[in-house]
Amino acid sequence: DNGVLRFDHVRIPRDQMLMRVLQVTREGKVVQSNIPRQLIYGTMVFVRQTIVYDASRALSKAVCIATRYSAVRRQFGNQNGCEIQVIDYKTQQSRLFPLLASAYAFRIVGDWLKWLYRDVTERLQANDFSTLPEVHACTAGLKSLTTSVTADGIEECRKLCGGHGYLCSSGLPELFAVYVPACTYEGDNVVLLLQV
């Protein structure tokens, strides 16, 4: 789902073709192999569990930047003339702290999905496909949820840093630009949620 390649008048030697699941005979007929198609799903489980784990890292980084900024930045004085740390404002806390909690939760869920991947791999090797529907629902739903929340969370952290959040030196614009494609690759989030 990430690109297309088209050849015209190019001959590829059969021994150089990737023919694990499908083979092409010398006559040009396509033949399916005896490998159960469910085994291929193991790779998708691995990739999606990695995406969930990466969501925790990306959100953690954004929250760390916004928290440090909020602790250092001071605005508006009180009666004593001292400026107040931005992190002491309830509105800042109510926007920042749930993202911090989500980053921790995504890390725990990512660890659980690693365990689930090991479990499903063992089952697939034993030709036990009974857990695949549940595994698909978990990985599809969690990939969709964590990447959407993380992309939105990085943007929220940028806003929490005020005008400084727009600066490339904050690290947030690049983090956002690099992370957002996760909402699309390995399954568009809307499509994945429709499968859950």
N, C-alpha and C. Protein backbone atom coordinates (compact mmCIF):
# COMPACT_ATOMS: atom_id res chain seq x y z
N ASP A 1 0.81 -1.20 0.00
CA ASP A 1 0.00 0.00 0.00
C ASP A 1 0.85 1.27 0.00
N ASN A 2 2.15 1.12 -0.19
CA ASN A 2 3.02 2.29 -0.15
C ASN A 2 3.64 2.66 -1.49
N GLY A 3 3.27 1.97 -2.56
CA GLY A 3 3.85 2.32 -3.85
C GLY A 3 3.53 1.31 -4.92
N VAL A 4 3.91 1.66 -6.14
CA VAL A 4 3.65 0.80 -7.29
C VAL A 4 4.91 0.78 -8.14
N LEU A 5 5.18 -0.37 -8.72
CA LEU A 5 6.31 -0.52 -9.63
C LEU A 5 5.83 -1.31 -10.82
N ARG A 6 6.09 -0.79 -12.00
CA ARG A 6 5.61 -1.46 -13.21
C ARG A 6 6.80 -1.69 -14.15
N PHE A 7 6.91 -2.92 -14.63
CA PHE A 7 7.95 -3.27 -15.59
C PHE A 7 7.32 -3.50 -16.95
N ASP A 8 8.05 -3.16 -17.99
CA ASP A 8 7.60 -3.40 -19.35
C ASP A 8 8.77 -4.01 -20.12
N HIS A 9 8.55 -5.21 -20.64
CA HIS A 9 9.57 -5.94 -21.38
C HIS A 9 10.81 -6.23 -20.53
N VAL A 10 10.60 -6.61 -19.29
CA VAL A 10 11.70 -6.98 -18.39
C VAL A 10 11.50 -8.43 -17.98
N ARG A 11 12.54 -9.21 -18.11
CA ARG A 11 12.46 -10.62 -17.74
C ARG A 11 13.19 -10.81 -16.40
N ILE A 12 12.47 -11.35 -15.43
CA ILE A 12 13.05 -11.60 -14.12
C ILE A 12 13.25 -13.10 -13.97
N PRO A 13 14.47 -13.54 -13.68
CA PRO A 13 14.71 -14.97 -13.50
C PRO A 13 13.84 -15.52 -12.36
N ARG A 14 13.28 -16.70 -12.54
CA ARG A 14 12.36 -17.28 -11.56
C ARG A 14 13.02 -17.46 -10.20
N ASP A 15 14.32 -17.76 -10.18
CA ASP A 15 14.99 -17.99 -8.89
C ASP A 15 15.21 -16.69 -8.12
N GLN A 16 14.90 -15.55 -8.72
CA GLN A 16 15.05 -14.27 -8.05
C GLN A 16 13.70 -13.66 -7.67
N MET A 17 12.64 -14.39 -7.90
CA MET A 17 11.30 -13.91 -7.53
C MET A 17 11.01 -14.30 -6.08
N LEU A 18 10.27 -13.45 -5.42
CA LEU A 18 9.81 -13.76 -4.06
C LEU A 18 8.55 -14.59 -4.20
N MET A 19 8.70 -15.91 -4.06
CA MET A 19 7.57 -16.80 -4.36
C MET A 19 7.23 -17.68 -3.16
N ARG A 20 7.14 -17.06 -1.99
CA ARG A 20 6.80 -17.84 -0.81
C ARG A 20 5.33 -18.22 -0.79
N VAL A 21 4.46 -17.29 -1.13
CA VAL A 21 3.02 -17.52 -1.06
C VAL A 21 2.44 -17.88 -2.42
N LEU A 22 2.89 -17.20 -3.44
CA LEU A 22 2.44 -17.46 -4.81
C LEU A 22 3.66 -17.79 -5.66
N GLN A 23 3.49 -18.74 -6.56
CA GLN A 23 4.56 -19.07 -7.50
C GLN A 23 4.06 -18.85 -8.92
N VAL A 24 5.02 -18.61 -9.79
CA VAL A 24 4.73 -18.48 -11.21
C VAL A 24 5.43 -19.64 -11.91
N THR A 25 4.66 -20.48 -12.61
CA THR A 25 5.25 -21.61 -13.33
C THR A 25 6.01 -21.11 -14.55
N ARG A 26 6.77 -22.00 -15.15
CA ARG A 26 7.54 -21.63 -16.35
C ARG A 26 6.61 -21.19 -17.48
N GLU A 27 5.37 -21.69 -17.44
CA GLU A 27 4.40 -21.32 -18.47
C GLU A 27 3.72 -19.98 -18.16
N GLY A 28 3.98 -19.42 -16.99
CA GLY A 28 3.40 -18.14 -16.63
C GLY A 28 2.13 -18.22 -15.82
N LYS A 29 1.75 -19.41 -15.35
CA LYS A 29 0.55 -19.56 -14.53
C LYS A 29 0.88 -19.25 -13.07
N VAL A 30 -0.06 -18.60 -12.40
CA VAL A 30 0.11 -18.29 -10.98
C VAL A 30 -0.50 -19.41 -10.16
N VAL A 31 0.29 -19.95 -9.21
CA VAL A 31 -0.14 -21.07 -8.38
C VAL A 31 0.09 -20.69 -6.92
N GLN A 32 -0.92 -20.94 -6.07
CA GLN A 32 -0.76 -20.68 -4.65
C GLN A 32 0.05 -21.80 -4.01
N SER A 33 0.87 -21.43 -3.02
CA SER A 33 1.66 -22.43 -2.31
C SER A 33 0.80 -23.09 -1.24
N ASN A 34 1.37 -24.07 -0.57
CA ASN A 34 0.66 -24.79 0.49
C ASN A 34 0.73 -24.07 1.83
N ILE A 35 1.44 -22.97 1.89
CA ILE A 35 1.57 -22.23 3.14
C ILE A 35 0.22 -21.61 3.50
N PRO A 36 -0.28 -21.87 4.71
CA PRO A 36 -1.55 -21.24 5.11
C PRO A 36 -1.43 -19.71 5.08
N ARG A 37 -2.41 -19.07 4.48
CA ARG A 37 -2.36 -17.61 4.36
C ARG A 37 -2.38 -16.93 5.72
N GLN A 38 -2.88 -17.62 6.74
CA GLN A 38 -2.92 -17.03 8.07
C GLN A 38 -1.53 -16.77 8.63
N LEU A 39 -0.52 -17.54 8.18
CA LEU A 39 0.84 -17.36 8.68
C LEU A 39 1.39 -15.99 8.32
N ILE A 40 0.94 -15.46 7.22
CA ILE A 40 1.41 -14.14 6.78
C ILE A 40 0.96 -13.08 7.77
N TYR A 41 -0.12 -13.32 8.46
CA TYR A 41 -0.66 -12.34 9.40
C TYR A 41 0.30 -12.07 10.55
N GLY A 42 1.16 -13.02 10.86
CA GLY A 42 2.12 -12.84 11.95
C GLY A 42 2.99 -11.61 11.74
N THR A 43 3.39 -11.34 10.51
CA THR A 43 4.20 -10.16 10.22
C THR A 43 3.42 -8.89 10.50
N MET A 44 2.15 -8.87 10.12
CA MET A 44 1.33 -7.69 10.36
C MET A 44 1.16 -7.44 11.86
N VAL A 45 1.01 -8.50 12.64
CA VAL A 45 0.90 -8.35 14.10
C VAL A 45 2.18 -7.72 14.63
N PHE A 46 3.33 -8.20 14.16
CA PHE A 46 4.61 -7.66 14.61
C PHE A 46 4.73 -6.17 14.28
N VAL A 47 4.38 -5.80 13.06
CA VAL A 47 4.51 -4.41 12.64
C VAL A 47 3.56 -3.52 13.45
N ARG A 48 2.35 -3.97 13.64
CA ARG A 48 1.38 -3.14 14.39
C ARG A 48 1.76 -3.01 15.86
N GLN A 49 2.31 -4.07 16.46
CA GLN A 49 2.72 -3.93 17.85
C GLN A 49 3.90 -2.96 17.96
N THR A 50 4.76 -2.94 16.94
CA THR A 50 5.87 -1.99 16.92
C THR A 50 5.35 -0.57 16.78
N ILE A 51 4.33 -0.38 15.96
CA ILE A 51 3.73 0.95 15.78
C ILE A 51 3.14 1.46 17.09
N VAL A 52 2.45 0.59 17.82
CA VAL A 52 1.87 0.99 19.11
C VAL A 52 2.98 1.38 20.08
N TYR A 53 4.04 0.59 20.12
CA TYR A 53 5.16 0.90 21.02
C TYR A 53 5.81 2.23 20.62
N ASP A 54 5.96 2.45 19.31
CA ASP A 54 6.53 3.71 18.83
C ASP A 54 5.64 4.90 19.17
N ALA A 55 4.33 4.68 19.23
CA ALA A 55 3.41 5.75 19.62
C ALA A 55 3.73 6.24 21.02
N SER A 56 4.04 5.31 21.92
CA SER A 56 4.37 5.71 23.29
C SER A 56 5.65 6.54 23.31
N ARG A 57 6.62 6.16 22.49
CA ARG A 57 7.89 6.91 22.47
C ARG A 57 7.69 8.30 21.89
N ALA A 58 6.95 8.42 20.79
CA ALA A 58 6.74 9.73 20.17
C ALA A 58 5.93 10.65 21.08
N LEU A 59 4.88 10.11 21.69
CA LEU A 59 4.07 10.94 22.60
C LEU A 59 4.87 11.31 23.84
N SER A 60 5.67 10.39 24.35
CA SER A 60 6.52 10.69 25.51
C SER A 60 7.47 11.83 25.21
N LYS A 61 8.05 11.81 24.04
CA LYS A 61 8.99 12.87 23.65
C LYS A 61 8.28 14.22 23.59
N ALA A 62 7.10 14.26 22.96
CA ALA A 62 6.35 15.51 22.85
C ALA A 62 5.93 16.01 24.23
N VAL A 63 5.45 15.11 25.08
CA VAL A 63 5.02 15.49 26.43
C VAL A 63 6.21 15.99 27.24
N CYS A 64 7.35 15.36 27.08
CA CYS A 64 8.56 15.79 27.79
C CYS A 64 8.93 17.22 27.39
N ILE A 65 8.89 17.50 26.11
CA ILE A 65 9.20 18.85 25.62
C ILE A 65 8.22 19.86 26.20
N ALA A 66 6.92 19.55 26.12
CA ALA A 66 5.89 20.48 26.61
C ALA A 66 5.94 20.65 28.12
N THR A 67 6.25 19.58 28.84
CA THR A 67 6.33 19.66 30.31
C THR A 67 7.52 20.51 30.73
N ARG A 68 8.66 20.29 30.11
CA ARG A 68 9.84 21.10 30.44
C ARG A 68 9.60 22.57 30.11
N TYR A 69 9.00 22.82 28.97
CA TYR A 69 8.68 24.19 28.59
C TYR A 69 7.75 24.81 29.63
N SER A 70 6.72 24.07 30.02
CA SER A 70 5.73 24.58 30.97
C SER A 70 6.34 24.83 32.34
N ALA A 71 7.35 24.06 32.71
CA ALA A 71 7.99 24.25 34.01
C ALA A 71 8.94 25.45 34.01
N VAL A 72 9.55 25.73 32.87
CA VAL A 72 10.52 26.82 32.77
C VAL A 72 9.85 28.15 32.45
N ARG A 73 8.86 28.13 31.60
CA ARG A 73 8.20 29.36 31.14
C ARG A 73 7.34 29.95 32.25
N ARG A 74 7.49 31.24 32.44
CA ARG A 74 6.70 31.96 33.45
C ARG A 74 5.93 33.07 32.76
N GLN A 75 4.69 33.27 33.23
CA GLN A 75 3.85 34.31 32.65
C GLN A 75 2.96 34.90 33.72
N PHE A 76 2.72 36.18 33.61
CA PHE A 76 1.75 36.92 34.43
C PHE A 76 2.12 36.84 35.91
N GLY A 77 2.24 37.98 36.49
CA GLY A 77 2.62 38.06 37.90
C GLY A 77 1.44 37.94 38.84
N ASN A 78 1.76 37.58 40.07
CA ASN A 78 0.74 37.56 41.11
C ASN A 78 0.87 38.85 41.93
N GLN A 79 0.24 38.91 43.11
CA GLN A 79 0.27 40.12 43.93
C GLN A 79 1.69 40.47 44.38
N ASN A 80 2.54 39.48 44.52
CA ASN A 80 3.92 39.72 44.95
C ASN A 80 4.82 40.14 43.80
N GLY A 81 4.30 40.14 42.59
CA GLY A 81 5.09 40.51 41.43
C GLY A 81 5.86 39.36 40.81
N CYS A 82 5.76 38.17 41.40
CA CYS A 82 6.45 37.00 40.84
C CYS A 82 5.60 36.41 39.71
N GLU A 83 6.27 36.08 38.63
CA GLU A 83 5.55 35.43 37.53
C GLU A 83 5.30 33.97 37.87
N ILE A 84 4.20 33.44 37.38
CA ILE A 84 3.78 32.08 37.70
C ILE A 84 4.26 31.13 36.60
N GLN A 85 4.75 29.95 37.03
CA GLN A 85 5.13 28.93 36.05
C GLN A 85 3.88 28.52 35.27
N VAL A 86 4.02 28.35 33.97
CA VAL A 86 2.89 27.99 33.13
C VAL A 86 2.30 26.65 33.56
N ILE A 87 3.12 25.76 34.06
CA ILE A 87 2.62 24.43 34.46
C ILE A 87 1.67 24.51 35.65
N ASP A 88 1.70 25.61 36.39
CA ASP A 88 0.81 25.77 37.54
C ASP A 88 -0.61 26.17 37.14
N TYR A 89 -0.81 26.54 35.90
CA TYR A 89 -2.16 26.88 35.44
C TYR A 89 -2.97 25.61 35.20
N LYS A 90 -4.18 25.60 35.72
CA LYS A 90 -5.05 24.41 35.61
C LYS A 90 -5.34 24.05 34.15
N THR A 91 -5.49 25.06 33.31
CA THR A 91 -5.78 24.75 31.90
C THR A 91 -4.60 24.03 31.25
N GLN A 92 -3.39 24.42 31.62
CA GLN A 92 -2.20 23.75 31.08
C GLN A 92 -2.15 22.31 31.58
N GLN A 93 -2.41 22.12 32.86
CA GLN A 93 -2.41 20.78 33.44
C GLN A 93 -3.48 19.89 32.82
N SER A 94 -4.67 20.45 32.63
CA SER A 94 -5.78 19.63 32.11
C SER A 94 -5.56 19.19 30.67
N ARG A 95 -4.70 19.89 29.96
CA ARG A 95 -4.38 19.50 28.59
C ARG A 95 -3.14 18.62 28.52
N LEU A 96 -2.20 18.83 29.42
CA LEU A 96 -0.91 18.14 29.37
C LEU A 96 -0.92 16.80 30.09
N PHE A 97 -1.49 16.75 31.28
CA PHE A 97 -1.40 15.53 32.10
C PHE A 97 -2.11 14.32 31.50
N PRO A 98 -3.27 14.48 30.85
CA PRO A 98 -3.85 13.31 30.18
C PRO A 98 -2.96 12.73 29.09
N LEU A 99 -2.20 13.59 28.42
CA LEU A 99 -1.27 13.11 27.40
C LEU A 99 -0.12 12.34 28.03
N LEU A 100 0.32 12.80 29.19
CA LEU A 100 1.37 12.08 29.93
C LEU A 100 0.86 10.70 30.33
N ALA A 101 -0.37 10.64 30.83
CA ALA A 101 -0.96 9.35 31.21
C ALA A 101 -1.10 8.44 29.99
N SER A 102 -1.49 9.01 28.86
CA SER A 102 -1.63 8.22 27.63
C SER A 102 -0.29 7.64 27.19
N ALA A 103 0.77 8.42 27.31
CA ALA A 103 2.10 7.94 26.93
C ALA A 103 2.49 6.72 27.76
N TYR A 104 2.22 6.77 29.06
CA TYR A 104 2.49 5.61 29.92
C TYR A 104 1.61 4.42 29.53
N ALA A 105 0.33 4.70 29.31
CA ALA A 105 -0.60 3.62 28.96
C ALA A 105 -0.20 2.95 27.64
N PHE A 106 0.22 3.75 26.67
CA PHE A 106 0.63 3.18 25.38
C PHE A 106 1.87 2.32 25.53
N ARG A 107 2.75 2.69 26.45
CA ARG A 107 3.95 1.87 26.70
C ARG A 107 3.55 0.51 27.26
N ILE A 108 2.63 0.51 28.20
CA ILE A 108 2.16 -0.75 28.81
C ILE A 108 1.44 -1.60 27.77
N VAL A 109 0.60 -0.97 26.97
CA VAL A 109 -0.11 -1.70 25.91
C VAL A 109 0.87 -2.24 24.87
N GLY A 110 1.90 -1.46 24.56
CA GLY A 110 2.93 -1.92 23.62
C GLY A 110 3.65 -3.15 24.13
N ASP A 111 3.95 -3.17 25.44
CA ASP A 111 4.57 -4.36 26.04
C ASP A 111 3.63 -5.56 25.98
N TRP A 112 2.35 -5.32 26.23
CA TRP A 112 1.37 -6.41 26.16
C TRP A 112 1.27 -6.96 24.74
N LEU A 113 1.30 -6.07 23.75
CA LEU A 113 1.23 -6.53 22.36
C LEU A 113 2.48 -7.33 21.97
N LYS A 114 3.63 -7.01 22.57
CA LYS A 114 4.83 -7.82 22.32
C LYS A 114 4.59 -9.25 22.81
N TRP A 115 3.99 -9.36 24.00
CA TRP A 115 3.67 -10.69 24.52
C TRP A 115 2.66 -11.38 23.59
N LEU A 116 1.66 -10.65 23.15
CA LEU A 116 0.64 -11.21 22.26
C LEU A 116 1.26 -11.70 20.96
N TYR A 117 2.22 -10.95 20.44
CA TYR A 117 2.90 -11.36 19.20
C TYR A 117 3.64 -12.68 19.42
N ARG A 118 4.37 -12.79 20.52
CA ARG A 118 5.09 -14.05 20.80
C ARG A 118 4.10 -15.21 20.92
N ASP A 119 2.98 -14.96 21.59
CA ASP A 119 1.97 -16.00 21.77
C ASP A 119 1.36 -16.43 20.44
N VAL A 120 0.98 -15.45 19.61
CA VAL A 120 0.34 -15.79 18.33
C VAL A 120 1.34 -16.47 17.40
N THR A 121 2.62 -16.09 17.49
CA THR A 121 3.65 -16.73 16.65
C THR A 121 3.77 -18.22 16.99
N GLU A 122 3.79 -18.52 18.28
CA GLU A 122 3.84 -19.93 18.71
C GLU A 122 2.62 -20.69 18.21
N ARG A 123 1.46 -20.08 18.33
CA ARG A 123 0.22 -20.73 17.89
C ARG A 123 0.21 -20.95 16.38
N LEU A 124 0.66 -19.95 15.63
CA LEU A 124 0.67 -20.09 14.17
C LEU A 124 1.62 -21.20 13.72
N GLN A 125 2.76 -21.32 14.41
CA GLN A 125 3.70 -22.38 14.07
C GLN A 125 3.12 -23.76 14.35
N ALA A 126 2.18 -23.82 15.29
CA ALA A 126 1.50 -25.08 15.61
C ALA A 126 0.20 -25.23 14.81
N ASN A 127 0.01 -24.37 13.80
CA ASN A 127 -1.21 -24.37 12.96
C ASN A 127 -2.48 -24.14 13.77
N ASP A 128 -2.36 -23.38 14.85
CA ASP A 128 -3.53 -22.99 15.65
C ASP A 128 -3.88 -21.56 15.28
N PHE A 129 -4.96 -21.40 14.52
CA PHE A 129 -5.37 -20.08 14.05
C PHE A 129 -6.57 -19.53 14.84
N SER A 130 -6.88 -20.15 15.97
CA SER A 130 -8.09 -19.81 16.71
C SER A 130 -8.08 -18.40 17.29
N THR A 131 -6.91 -17.86 17.59
CA THR A 131 -6.87 -16.53 18.22
C THR A 131 -6.74 -15.38 17.21
N LEU A 132 -6.64 -15.70 15.93
CA LEU A 132 -6.42 -14.65 14.93
C LEU A 132 -7.51 -13.57 14.91
N PRO A 133 -8.80 -13.92 15.01
CA PRO A 133 -9.81 -12.84 15.01
C PRO A 133 -9.62 -11.86 16.17
N GLU A 134 -9.33 -12.38 17.36
CA GLU A 134 -9.12 -11.51 18.52
C GLU A 134 -7.84 -10.68 18.35
N VAL A 135 -6.79 -11.32 17.87
CA VAL A 135 -5.52 -10.62 17.66
C VAL A 135 -5.69 -9.52 16.62
N HIS A 136 -6.43 -9.80 15.56
CA HIS A 136 -6.67 -8.79 14.53
C HIS A 136 -7.43 -7.60 15.13
N ALA A 137 -8.46 -7.88 15.91
CA ALA A 137 -9.24 -6.80 16.52
C ALA A 137 -8.37 -5.96 17.45
N CYS A 138 -7.55 -6.61 18.26
CA CYS A 138 -6.68 -5.89 19.20
C CYS A 138 -5.66 -5.03 18.47
N THR A 139 -4.96 -5.62 17.51
CA THR A 139 -3.90 -4.87 16.84
C THR A 139 -4.46 -3.76 15.95
N ALA A 140 -5.57 -4.04 15.27
CA ALA A 140 -6.17 -3.01 14.41
C ALA A 140 -6.70 -1.85 15.25
N GLY A 141 -7.43 -2.17 16.30
CA GLY A 141 -7.99 -1.13 17.15
C GLY A 141 -6.94 -0.32 17.88
N LEU A 142 -5.95 -1.01 18.44
CA LEU A 142 -4.91 -0.30 19.20
C LEU A 142 -3.99 0.51 18.29
N LYS A 143 -3.70 0.00 17.11
CA LYS A 143 -2.89 0.77 16.16
C LYS A 143 -3.63 2.06 15.80
N SER A 144 -4.90 1.94 15.51
CA SER A 144 -5.70 3.10 15.13
C SER A 144 -5.80 4.11 16.28
N LEU A 145 -6.13 3.62 17.46
CA LEU A 145 -6.30 4.50 18.62
C LEU A 145 -5.00 5.20 18.98
N THR A 146 -3.93 4.44 19.14
CA THR A 146 -2.68 5.03 19.63
C THR A 146 -2.08 6.01 18.63
N THR A 147 -2.14 5.70 17.35
CA THR A 147 -1.55 6.63 16.38
C THR A 147 -2.37 7.91 16.26
N SER A 148 -3.70 7.80 16.33
CA SER A 148 -4.54 9.00 16.27
C SER A 148 -4.32 9.88 17.49
N VAL A 149 -4.34 9.27 18.67
CA VAL A 149 -4.14 10.03 19.91
C VAL A 149 -2.74 10.65 19.93
N THR A 150 -1.75 9.91 19.47
CA THR A 150 -0.38 10.42 19.48
C THR A 150 -0.22 11.59 18.51
N ALA A 151 -0.74 11.46 17.30
CA ALA A 151 -0.64 12.57 16.34
C ALA A 151 -1.34 13.82 16.89
N ASP A 152 -2.54 13.64 17.43
CA ASP A 152 -3.26 14.77 18.02
C ASP A 152 -2.53 15.29 19.25
N GLY A 153 -1.94 14.39 20.02
CA GLY A 153 -1.21 14.77 21.24
C GLY A 153 0.03 15.58 20.94
N ILE A 154 0.77 15.21 19.91
CA ILE A 154 1.96 15.98 19.53
C ILE A 154 1.55 17.39 19.14
N GLU A 155 0.46 17.51 18.38
CA GLU A 155 -0.04 18.83 17.99
C GLU A 155 -0.49 19.62 19.22
N GLU A 156 -1.13 18.96 20.17
CA GLU A 156 -1.56 19.64 21.40
C GLU A 156 -0.34 20.12 22.19
N CYS A 157 0.70 19.31 22.25
CA CYS A 157 1.93 19.72 22.95
C CYS A 157 2.55 20.93 22.27
N ARG A 158 2.50 20.98 20.94
CA ARG A 158 3.00 22.15 20.23
C ARG A 158 2.22 23.39 20.63
N LYS A 159 0.91 23.27 20.73
CA LYS A 159 0.08 24.40 21.14
C LYS A 159 0.38 24.81 22.58
N LEU A 160 0.65 23.84 23.44
CA LEU A 160 0.94 24.13 24.85
C LEU A 160 2.24 24.91 25.02
N CYS A 161 3.08 24.88 24.02
CA CYS A 161 4.34 25.64 24.07
C CYS A 161 4.18 27.03 23.46
N GLY A 162 2.97 27.42 23.15
CA GLY A 162 2.73 28.74 22.59
C GLY A 162 3.46 28.93 21.28
N GLY A 163 3.91 30.15 21.03
CA GLY A 163 4.62 30.45 19.80
C GLY A 163 5.94 29.70 19.68
N HIS A 164 6.53 29.35 20.82
CA HIS A 164 7.79 28.61 20.80
C HIS A 164 7.60 27.20 20.22
N GLY A 165 6.40 26.66 20.30
CA GLY A 165 6.13 25.33 19.78
C GLY A 165 6.25 25.25 18.27
N TYR A 166 6.13 26.40 17.60
CA TYR A 166 6.28 26.43 16.14
C TYR A 166 7.74 26.38 15.70
N LEU A 167 8.64 26.74 16.61
CA LEU A 167 10.05 26.79 16.25
C LEU A 167 10.60 25.39 15.99
N CYS A 168 11.39 25.26 14.95
CA CYS A 168 12.01 23.96 14.66
C CYS A 168 12.90 23.53 15.82
N SER A 169 13.49 24.50 16.51
CA SER A 169 14.37 24.17 17.63
C SER A 169 13.63 23.50 18.78
N SER A 170 12.30 23.63 18.82
CA SER A 170 11.53 22.95 19.87
C SER A 170 11.49 21.44 19.63
N GLY A 171 11.66 21.04 18.38
CA GLY A 171 11.60 19.61 18.03
C GLY A 171 10.19 19.12 17.72
N LEU A 172 9.19 19.91 18.03
CA LEU A 172 7.81 19.46 17.85
C LEU A 172 7.34 19.46 16.39
N PRO A 173 7.66 20.48 15.59
CA PRO A 173 7.21 20.42 14.19
C PRO A 173 7.75 19.20 13.44
N GLU A 174 9.03 18.89 13.63
CA GLU A 174 9.61 17.73 12.95
C GLU A 174 9.02 16.43 13.48
N LEU A 175 8.85 16.35 14.80
CA LEU A 175 8.25 15.15 15.40
C LEU A 175 6.86 14.90 14.82
N PHE A 176 6.07 15.96 14.70
CA PHE A 176 4.73 15.84 14.14
C PHE A 176 4.78 15.38 12.69
N ALA A 177 5.63 16.03 11.89
CA ALA A 177 5.72 15.70 10.46
C ALA A 177 6.18 14.27 10.23
N VAL A 178 7.09 13.81 11.06
CA VAL A 178 7.61 12.45 10.91
C VAL A 178 6.59 11.42 11.41
N TYR A 179 5.80 11.78 12.43
CA TYR A 179 4.91 10.79 13.04
C TYR A 179 3.57 10.62 12.32
N VAL A 180 3.00 11.68 11.80
CA VAL A 180 1.64 11.64 11.24
C VAL A 180 1.41 10.52 10.22
N PRO A 181 2.37 10.16 9.37
CA PRO A 181 2.11 9.06 8.43
C PRO A 181 1.73 7.74 9.11
N ALA A 182 2.04 7.58 10.39
CA ALA A 182 1.68 6.35 11.10
C ALA A 182 0.17 6.15 11.13
N CYS A 183 -0.59 7.22 10.96
CA CYS A 183 -2.05 7.10 10.94
C CYS A 183 -2.55 6.44 9.66
N THR A 184 -1.66 6.32 8.68
CA THR A 184 -2.05 5.76 7.38
C THR A 184 -1.37 4.44 7.08
N TYR A 185 -0.05 4.33 7.33
CA TYR A 185 0.62 3.09 6.93
C TYR A 185 0.21 1.92 7.81
N GLU A 186 0.31 0.73 7.26
CA GLU A 186 -0.16 -0.52 7.88
C GLU A 186 -1.65 -0.47 8.18
N GLY A 187 -2.39 0.24 7.38
CA GLY A 187 -3.83 0.30 7.52
C GLY A 187 -4.30 1.68 7.95
N ASP A 188 -5.10 2.32 7.12
CA ASP A 188 -5.67 3.62 7.46
C ASP A 188 -6.51 3.48 8.72
N ASN A 189 -6.38 4.44 9.62
CA ASN A 189 -7.05 4.33 10.92
C ASN A 189 -8.56 4.20 10.82
N VAL A 190 -9.18 4.91 9.90
CA VAL A 190 -10.64 4.81 9.76
C VAL A 190 -11.03 3.41 9.31
N VAL A 191 -10.31 2.89 8.33
CA VAL A 191 -10.61 1.54 7.82
C VAL A 191 -10.39 0.50 8.92
N LEU A 192 -9.32 0.65 9.69
CA LEU A 192 -9.05 -0.31 10.77
C LEU A 192 -10.15 -0.29 11.83
N LEU A 193 -10.63 0.89 12.18
CA LEU A 193 -11.70 0.97 13.18
C LEU A 193 -12.99 0.34 12.68
N LEU A 194 -13.21 0.38 11.38
CA LEU A 194 -14.40 -0.27 10.83
C LEU A 194 -14.31 -1.79 10.93
N GLN A 195 -13.10 -2.33 11.09
CA GLN A 195 -12.91 -3.77 11.18
C GLN A 195 -13.02 -4.28 12.62
N VAL A 196 -13.02 -3.38 13.57
CA VAL A 196 -13.05 -3.79 14.99
C VAL A 196 -14.46 -4.07 15.43
